Amino acid sequence: MRFPRLLTVAAIAAVLAVPFAAQAQTAPSGPVNGAPGAHAGHHRSPFMHALRSLNLSPDQKAQIKSISTQSREANKNADPSTRKANRAKLEQQINGILTPQQRTALSAEIAREKAAAPASK
């Protein structure tokens, strides 16, 4: 009498476990076949990405962080045209902080980033 009851409990447990096991197997852990990764919704510009490749001094980093924070605050609840204008102003201010050599390196890195980026539009 105990064996059929044990068998029934084991069968029910197995049936309940199958959907969870199947769900765990279908979730991809990273980019698949060129699919975007975890930060796909974050559209970092080639300018900001290239800026990270420069050898900035601690003072330059602090200045850039400060104006970036101000720009981010100005963009809260702003319309797209205002955001675009703020972005241009931010890039102009950052260029003012960089040395001529860093500006040259930044331009070259931006061109490389744009050339390497897949055509999404």
N, C-alpha and C. Protein backbone atom coordinates (compact mmCIF):
# COMPACT_ATOMS: atom_id res chain seq x y z
N MET A 1 0.81 -1.20 0.00
CA MET A 1 0.00 0.00 0.00
C MET A 1 0.86 1.26 0.00
N ARG A 2 1.99 1.24 0.67
CA ARG A 2 2.85 2.40 0.71
C ARG A 2 3.55 2.65 -0.62
N PHE A 3 3.91 1.60 -1.32
CA PHE A 3 4.61 1.74 -2.58
C PHE A 3 3.79 2.50 -3.62
N PRO A 4 2.52 2.20 -3.87
CA PRO A 4 1.74 2.96 -4.85
C PRO A 4 1.60 4.44 -4.45
N ARG A 5 1.46 4.71 -3.17
CA ARG A 5 1.33 6.09 -2.71
C ARG A 5 2.65 6.84 -2.96
N LEU A 6 3.78 6.20 -2.66
CA LEU A 6 5.08 6.79 -2.88
C LEU A 6 5.32 7.03 -4.38
N LEU A 7 4.89 6.07 -5.17
CA LEU A 7 5.02 6.19 -6.62
C LEU A 7 4.17 7.36 -7.14
N THR A 8 2.98 7.51 -6.60
CA THR A 8 2.09 8.61 -7.01
C THR A 8 2.70 9.96 -6.63
N VAL A 9 3.24 10.08 -5.43
CA VAL A 9 3.86 11.32 -4.98
C VAL A 9 5.08 11.65 -5.86
N ALA A 10 5.86 10.64 -6.17
CA ALA A 10 7.04 10.85 -7.01
C ALA A 10 6.63 11.29 -8.42
N ALA A 11 5.57 10.70 -8.95
CA ALA A 11 5.09 11.06 -10.29
C ALA A 11 4.58 12.50 -10.31
N ILE A 12 3.86 12.89 -9.28
CA ILE A 12 3.35 14.27 -9.20
C ILE A 12 4.52 15.26 -9.09
N ALA A 13 5.50 14.94 -8.28
CA ALA A 13 6.66 15.81 -8.12
C ALA A 13 7.42 15.96 -9.44
N ALA A 14 7.54 14.86 -10.17
CA ALA A 14 8.23 14.90 -11.46
C ALA A 14 7.47 15.76 -12.46
N VAL A 15 6.15 15.63 -12.48
CA VAL A 15 5.34 16.41 -13.40
C VAL A 15 5.42 17.89 -13.08
N LEU A 16 5.44 18.23 -11.81
CA LEU A 16 5.54 19.64 -11.41
C LEU A 16 6.93 20.21 -11.68
N ALA A 17 7.96 19.39 -11.63
CA ALA A 17 9.33 19.87 -11.82
C ALA A 17 9.68 20.09 -13.29
N VAL A 18 9.02 19.41 -14.21
CA VAL A 18 9.36 19.50 -15.63
C VAL A 18 9.22 20.94 -16.17
N PRO A 19 8.13 21.66 -15.91
CA PRO A 19 8.05 23.02 -16.46
C PRO A 19 9.17 23.94 -15.95
N PHE A 20 9.55 23.79 -14.69
CA PHE A 20 10.60 24.62 -14.13
C PHE A 20 11.95 24.29 -14.77
N ALA A 21 12.22 23.03 -15.00
CA ALA A 21 13.47 22.62 -15.63
C ALA A 21 13.51 23.11 -17.08
N ALA A 22 12.40 23.03 -17.79
CA ALA A 22 12.36 23.49 -19.17
C ALA A 22 12.54 25.00 -19.24
N GLN A 23 11.95 25.74 -18.31
CA GLN A 23 12.08 27.19 -18.29
C GLN A 23 13.52 27.60 -18.00
N ALA A 24 14.19 26.92 -17.11
CA ALA A 24 15.56 27.24 -16.76
C ALA A 24 16.49 27.00 -17.95
N GLN A 25 16.17 26.06 -18.81
CA GLN A 25 17.02 25.76 -19.94
C GLN A 25 16.83 26.73 -21.10
N THR A 26 15.70 27.40 -21.19
CA THR A 26 15.43 28.27 -22.33
C THR A 26 15.94 29.68 -22.15
N ALA A 27 16.29 30.09 -20.96
CA ALA A 27 16.76 31.46 -20.74
C ALA A 27 18.22 31.59 -21.16
N PRO A 28 18.51 32.39 -22.19
CA PRO A 28 19.91 32.55 -22.61
C PRO A 28 20.70 33.35 -21.59
N SER A 29 21.97 33.03 -21.47
CA SER A 29 22.80 33.70 -20.49
C SER A 29 23.55 34.88 -21.07
N GLY A 30 23.53 35.08 -22.36
CA GLY A 30 24.25 36.19 -22.97
C GLY A 30 23.80 36.40 -24.39
N PRO A 31 24.53 37.22 -25.13
CA PRO A 31 24.16 37.46 -26.52
C PRO A 31 24.20 36.18 -27.35
N VAL A 32 23.20 36.01 -28.20
CA VAL A 32 23.12 34.83 -29.04
C VAL A 32 22.96 35.29 -30.49
N ASN A 33 23.81 34.78 -31.36
CA ASN A 33 23.73 35.08 -32.80
C ASN A 33 23.64 36.58 -33.08
N GLY A 34 24.49 37.35 -32.45
CA GLY A 34 24.51 38.79 -32.70
C GLY A 34 23.42 39.54 -31.98
N ALA A 35 22.67 38.87 -31.13
CA ALA A 35 21.61 39.54 -30.39
C ALA A 35 22.23 40.51 -29.40
N PRO A 36 21.54 41.61 -29.09
CA PRO A 36 22.09 42.57 -28.14
C PRO A 36 22.23 41.96 -26.75
N GLY A 37 23.17 42.48 -26.00
CA GLY A 37 23.43 41.99 -24.65
C GLY A 37 22.52 42.64 -23.63
N ALA A 38 22.93 42.55 -22.38
CA ALA A 38 22.12 43.04 -21.27
C ALA A 38 21.93 44.55 -21.32
N HIS A 39 22.86 45.28 -21.94
CA HIS A 39 22.76 46.74 -21.98
C HIS A 39 22.23 47.24 -23.31
N ALA A 40 21.39 46.45 -23.94
CA ALA A 40 20.91 46.79 -25.27
C ALA A 40 20.08 48.07 -25.26
N GLY A 41 19.37 48.34 -24.19
CA GLY A 41 18.53 49.53 -24.14
C GLY A 41 19.32 50.80 -23.91
N HIS A 42 20.58 50.66 -23.52
CA HIS A 42 21.41 51.82 -23.22
C HIS A 42 22.17 52.20 -24.47
N HIS A 43 21.86 53.35 -25.06
CA HIS A 43 22.47 53.76 -26.31
C HIS A 43 23.62 54.72 -26.02
N ARG A 44 24.78 54.16 -25.75
CA ARG A 44 25.94 55.01 -25.50
C ARG A 44 26.46 55.50 -26.84
N SER A 45 26.72 56.79 -26.92
CA SER A 45 27.18 57.36 -28.17
C SER A 45 28.64 57.00 -28.43
N PRO A 46 29.04 57.01 -29.69
CA PRO A 46 30.45 56.77 -29.99
C PRO A 46 31.35 57.79 -29.30
N PHE A 47 30.87 59.02 -29.14
CA PHE A 47 31.65 60.06 -28.48
C PHE A 47 31.98 59.65 -27.04
N MET A 48 30.97 59.26 -26.28
CA MET A 48 31.19 58.92 -24.87
C MET A 48 31.99 57.63 -24.75
N HIS A 49 31.76 56.69 -25.64
CA HIS A 49 32.51 55.44 -25.60
C HIS A 49 33.98 55.70 -25.91
N ALA A 50 34.24 56.52 -26.93
CA ALA A 50 35.62 56.85 -27.31
C ALA A 50 36.31 57.66 -26.21
N LEU A 51 35.56 58.47 -25.51
CA LEU A 51 36.12 59.29 -24.43
C LEU A 51 36.77 58.40 -23.36
N ARG A 52 36.19 57.23 -23.14
CA ARG A 52 36.74 56.31 -22.14
C ARG A 52 38.11 55.76 -22.54
N SER A 53 38.42 55.81 -23.83
CA SER A 53 39.69 55.25 -24.29
C SER A 53 40.85 56.23 -24.10
N LEU A 54 40.56 57.48 -23.77
CA LEU A 54 41.61 58.48 -23.61
C LEU A 54 42.26 58.36 -22.24
N ASN A 55 43.50 58.80 -22.18
CA ASN A 55 44.23 58.80 -20.92
C ASN A 55 43.97 60.15 -20.24
N LEU A 56 42.83 60.24 -19.55
CA LEU A 56 42.44 61.49 -18.90
C LEU A 56 43.10 61.62 -17.54
N SER A 57 43.42 62.86 -17.19
CA SER A 57 43.96 63.12 -15.86
C SER A 57 42.81 63.06 -14.85
N PRO A 58 43.13 62.90 -13.57
CA PRO A 58 42.06 62.91 -12.56
C PRO A 58 41.26 64.21 -12.57
N ASP A 59 41.92 65.34 -12.84
CA ASP A 59 41.22 66.61 -12.91
C ASP A 59 40.25 66.64 -14.09
N GLN A 60 40.69 66.14 -15.24
CA GLN A 60 39.81 66.08 -16.41
C GLN A 60 38.61 65.18 -16.14
N LYS A 61 38.86 64.04 -15.51
CA LYS A 61 37.76 63.12 -15.19
C LYS A 61 36.75 63.79 -14.28
N ALA A 62 37.22 64.53 -13.28
CA ALA A 62 36.32 65.21 -12.35
C ALA A 62 35.50 66.28 -13.07
N GLN A 63 36.16 67.05 -13.94
CA GLN A 63 35.44 68.09 -14.69
C GLN A 63 34.39 67.48 -15.61
N ILE A 64 34.76 66.42 -16.31
CA ILE A 64 33.83 65.77 -17.23
C ILE A 64 32.66 65.15 -16.47
N LYS A 65 32.94 64.55 -15.33
CA LYS A 65 31.87 63.97 -14.52
C LYS A 65 30.91 65.06 -14.06
N SER A 66 31.44 66.20 -13.66
CA SER A 66 30.60 67.29 -13.19
C SER A 66 29.68 67.82 -14.30
N ILE A 67 30.24 68.09 -15.47
CA ILE A 67 29.39 68.62 -16.54
C ILE A 67 28.44 67.56 -17.09
N SER A 68 28.84 66.29 -17.03
CA SER A 68 27.94 65.21 -17.46
C SER A 68 26.74 65.11 -16.52
N THR A 69 27.00 65.26 -15.24
CA THR A 69 25.91 65.22 -14.25
C THR A 69 24.96 66.39 -14.48
N GLN A 70 25.52 67.57 -14.73
CA GLN A 70 24.68 68.75 -14.99
C GLN A 70 23.84 68.53 -16.25
N SER A 71 24.44 67.95 -17.27
CA SER A 71 23.72 67.70 -18.52
C SER A 71 22.60 66.68 -18.31
N ARG A 72 22.89 65.65 -17.53
CA ARG A 72 21.89 64.63 -17.24
C ARG A 72 20.70 65.25 -16.51
N GLU A 73 20.98 66.14 -15.56
CA GLU A 73 19.90 66.82 -14.83
C GLU A 73 19.09 67.72 -15.77
N ALA A 74 19.77 68.41 -16.68
CA ALA A 74 19.08 69.29 -17.63
C ALA A 74 18.20 68.49 -18.58
N ASN A 75 18.55 67.24 -18.83
CA ASN A 75 17.79 66.41 -19.77
C ASN A 75 16.58 65.72 -19.14
N LYS A 76 16.47 65.77 -17.84
CA LYS A 76 15.30 65.15 -17.21
C LYS A 76 14.05 65.90 -17.66
N ASN A 77 13.10 65.16 -18.16
CA ASN A 77 11.82 65.70 -18.64
C ASN A 77 11.97 66.68 -19.80
N ALA A 78 13.09 66.61 -20.51
CA ALA A 78 13.30 67.50 -21.66
C ALA A 78 12.80 66.82 -22.94
N ASP A 79 12.40 67.66 -23.89
CA ASP A 79 11.96 67.12 -25.17
C ASP A 79 13.19 66.71 -26.00
N PRO A 80 12.99 65.91 -27.05
CA PRO A 80 14.12 65.41 -27.84
C PRO A 80 15.02 66.50 -28.42
N SER A 81 14.44 67.60 -28.90
CA SER A 81 15.28 68.65 -29.49
C SER A 81 16.15 69.32 -28.43
N THR A 82 15.63 69.49 -27.23
CA THR A 82 16.42 70.05 -26.13
C THR A 82 17.53 69.09 -25.74
N ARG A 83 17.22 67.80 -25.69
CA ARG A 83 18.24 66.81 -25.37
C ARG A 83 19.37 66.83 -26.39
N LYS A 84 19.00 66.96 -27.67
CA LYS A 84 20.01 67.00 -28.72
C LYS A 84 20.90 68.23 -28.57
N ALA A 85 20.29 69.38 -28.27
CA ALA A 85 21.06 70.61 -28.05
C ALA A 85 21.97 70.47 -26.83
N ASN A 86 21.44 69.86 -25.76
CA ASN A 86 22.24 69.66 -24.55
C ASN A 86 23.41 68.72 -24.83
N ARG A 87 23.17 67.72 -25.68
CA ARG A 87 24.23 66.77 -26.03
C ARG A 87 25.35 67.47 -26.78
N ALA A 88 24.99 68.32 -27.73
CA ALA A 88 25.99 69.07 -28.50
C ALA A 88 26.79 70.00 -27.57
N LYS A 89 26.09 70.64 -26.64
CA LYS A 89 26.75 71.53 -25.68
C LYS A 89 27.71 70.74 -24.79
N LEU A 90 27.28 69.58 -24.34
CA LEU A 90 28.12 68.73 -23.50
C LEU A 90 29.39 68.32 -24.25
N GLU A 91 29.24 67.89 -25.49
CA GLU A 91 30.40 67.48 -26.27
C GLU A 91 31.35 68.65 -26.50
N GLN A 92 30.80 69.84 -26.72
CA GLN A 92 31.63 71.03 -26.90
C GLN A 92 32.39 71.35 -25.61
N GLN A 93 31.72 71.25 -24.47
CA GLN A 93 32.37 71.52 -23.19
C GLN A 93 33.48 70.49 -22.92
N ILE A 94 33.21 69.24 -23.23
CA ILE A 94 34.21 68.19 -23.01
C ILE A 94 35.41 68.43 -23.92
N ASN A 95 35.17 68.81 -25.17
CA ASN A 95 36.28 69.11 -26.08
C ASN A 95 37.14 70.25 -25.54
N GLY A 96 36.52 71.19 -24.83
CA GLY A 96 37.26 72.30 -24.23
C GLY A 96 38.17 71.85 -23.09
N ILE A 97 37.86 70.74 -22.47
CA ILE A 97 38.65 70.21 -21.36
C ILE A 97 39.85 69.41 -21.87
N LEU A 98 39.71 68.82 -23.06
CA LEU A 98 40.75 67.95 -23.60
C LEU A 98 41.92 68.73 -24.18
N THR A 99 43.08 68.10 -24.18
CA THR A 99 44.26 68.67 -24.83
C THR A 99 44.11 68.48 -26.33
N PRO A 100 44.88 69.22 -27.15
CA PRO A 100 44.80 69.02 -28.60
C PRO A 100 45.09 67.57 -29.02
N GLN A 101 46.05 66.93 -28.36
CA GLN A 101 46.36 65.53 -28.68
C GLN A 101 45.20 64.62 -28.34
N GLN A 102 44.54 64.88 -27.21
CA GLN A 102 43.39 64.06 -26.82
C GLN A 102 42.23 64.27 -27.78
N ARG A 103 42.03 65.51 -28.26
CA ARG A 103 40.96 65.77 -29.23
C ARG A 103 41.21 65.00 -30.53
N THR A 104 42.47 64.97 -30.96
CA THR A 104 42.82 64.24 -32.18
C THR A 104 42.56 62.74 -31.98
N ALA A 105 43.00 62.21 -30.83
CA ALA A 105 42.79 60.79 -30.53
C ALA A 105 41.29 60.48 -30.42
N LEU A 106 40.54 61.40 -29.83
CA LEU A 106 39.09 61.21 -29.68
C LEU A 106 38.43 61.15 -31.06
N SER A 107 38.80 62.06 -31.95
CA SER A 107 38.22 62.06 -33.30
C SER A 107 38.51 60.76 -34.02
N ALA A 108 39.75 60.29 -33.91
CA ALA A 108 40.13 59.03 -34.56
C ALA A 108 39.35 57.86 -33.97
N GLU A 109 39.18 57.84 -32.67
CA GLU A 109 38.45 56.75 -32.01
C GLU A 109 36.97 56.77 -32.37
N ILE A 110 36.39 57.96 -32.47
CA ILE A 110 34.98 58.07 -32.86
C ILE A 110 34.79 57.53 -34.28
N ALA A 111 35.71 57.89 -35.18
CA ALA A 111 35.62 57.39 -36.55
C ALA A 111 35.73 55.87 -36.58
N ARG A 112 36.64 55.32 -35.77
CA ARG A 112 36.79 53.87 -35.70
C ARG A 112 35.53 53.22 -35.14
N GLU A 113 34.94 53.82 -34.09
CA GLU A 113 33.71 53.28 -33.48
C GLU A 113 32.57 53.26 -34.50
N LYS A 114 32.42 54.36 -35.23
CA LYS A 114 31.33 54.44 -36.21
C LYS A 114 31.53 53.44 -37.34
N ALA A 115 32.78 53.26 -37.76
CA ALA A 115 33.06 52.31 -38.85
C ALA A 115 32.81 50.88 -38.40
N ALA A 116 33.07 50.58 -37.12
CA ALA A 116 32.91 49.22 -36.62
C ALA A 116 31.48 48.91 -36.23
N ALA A 117 30.66 49.94 -36.02
CA ALA A 117 29.27 49.72 -35.58
C ALA A 117 28.45 49.15 -36.72
N PRO A 118 27.59 48.16 -36.40
CA PRO A 118 26.71 47.62 -37.43
C PRO A 118 25.68 48.65 -37.86
N ALA A 119 25.31 48.63 -39.11
CA ALA A 119 24.31 49.56 -39.63
C ALA A 119 22.95 49.15 -39.13
N SER A 120 22.42 49.90 -38.17
CA SER A 120 21.13 49.54 -37.58
C SER A 120 20.00 50.39 -38.13
N LYS A 121 20.33 51.44 -38.86
CA LYS A 121 19.27 52.32 -39.37
C LYS A 121 19.08 52.16 -40.84
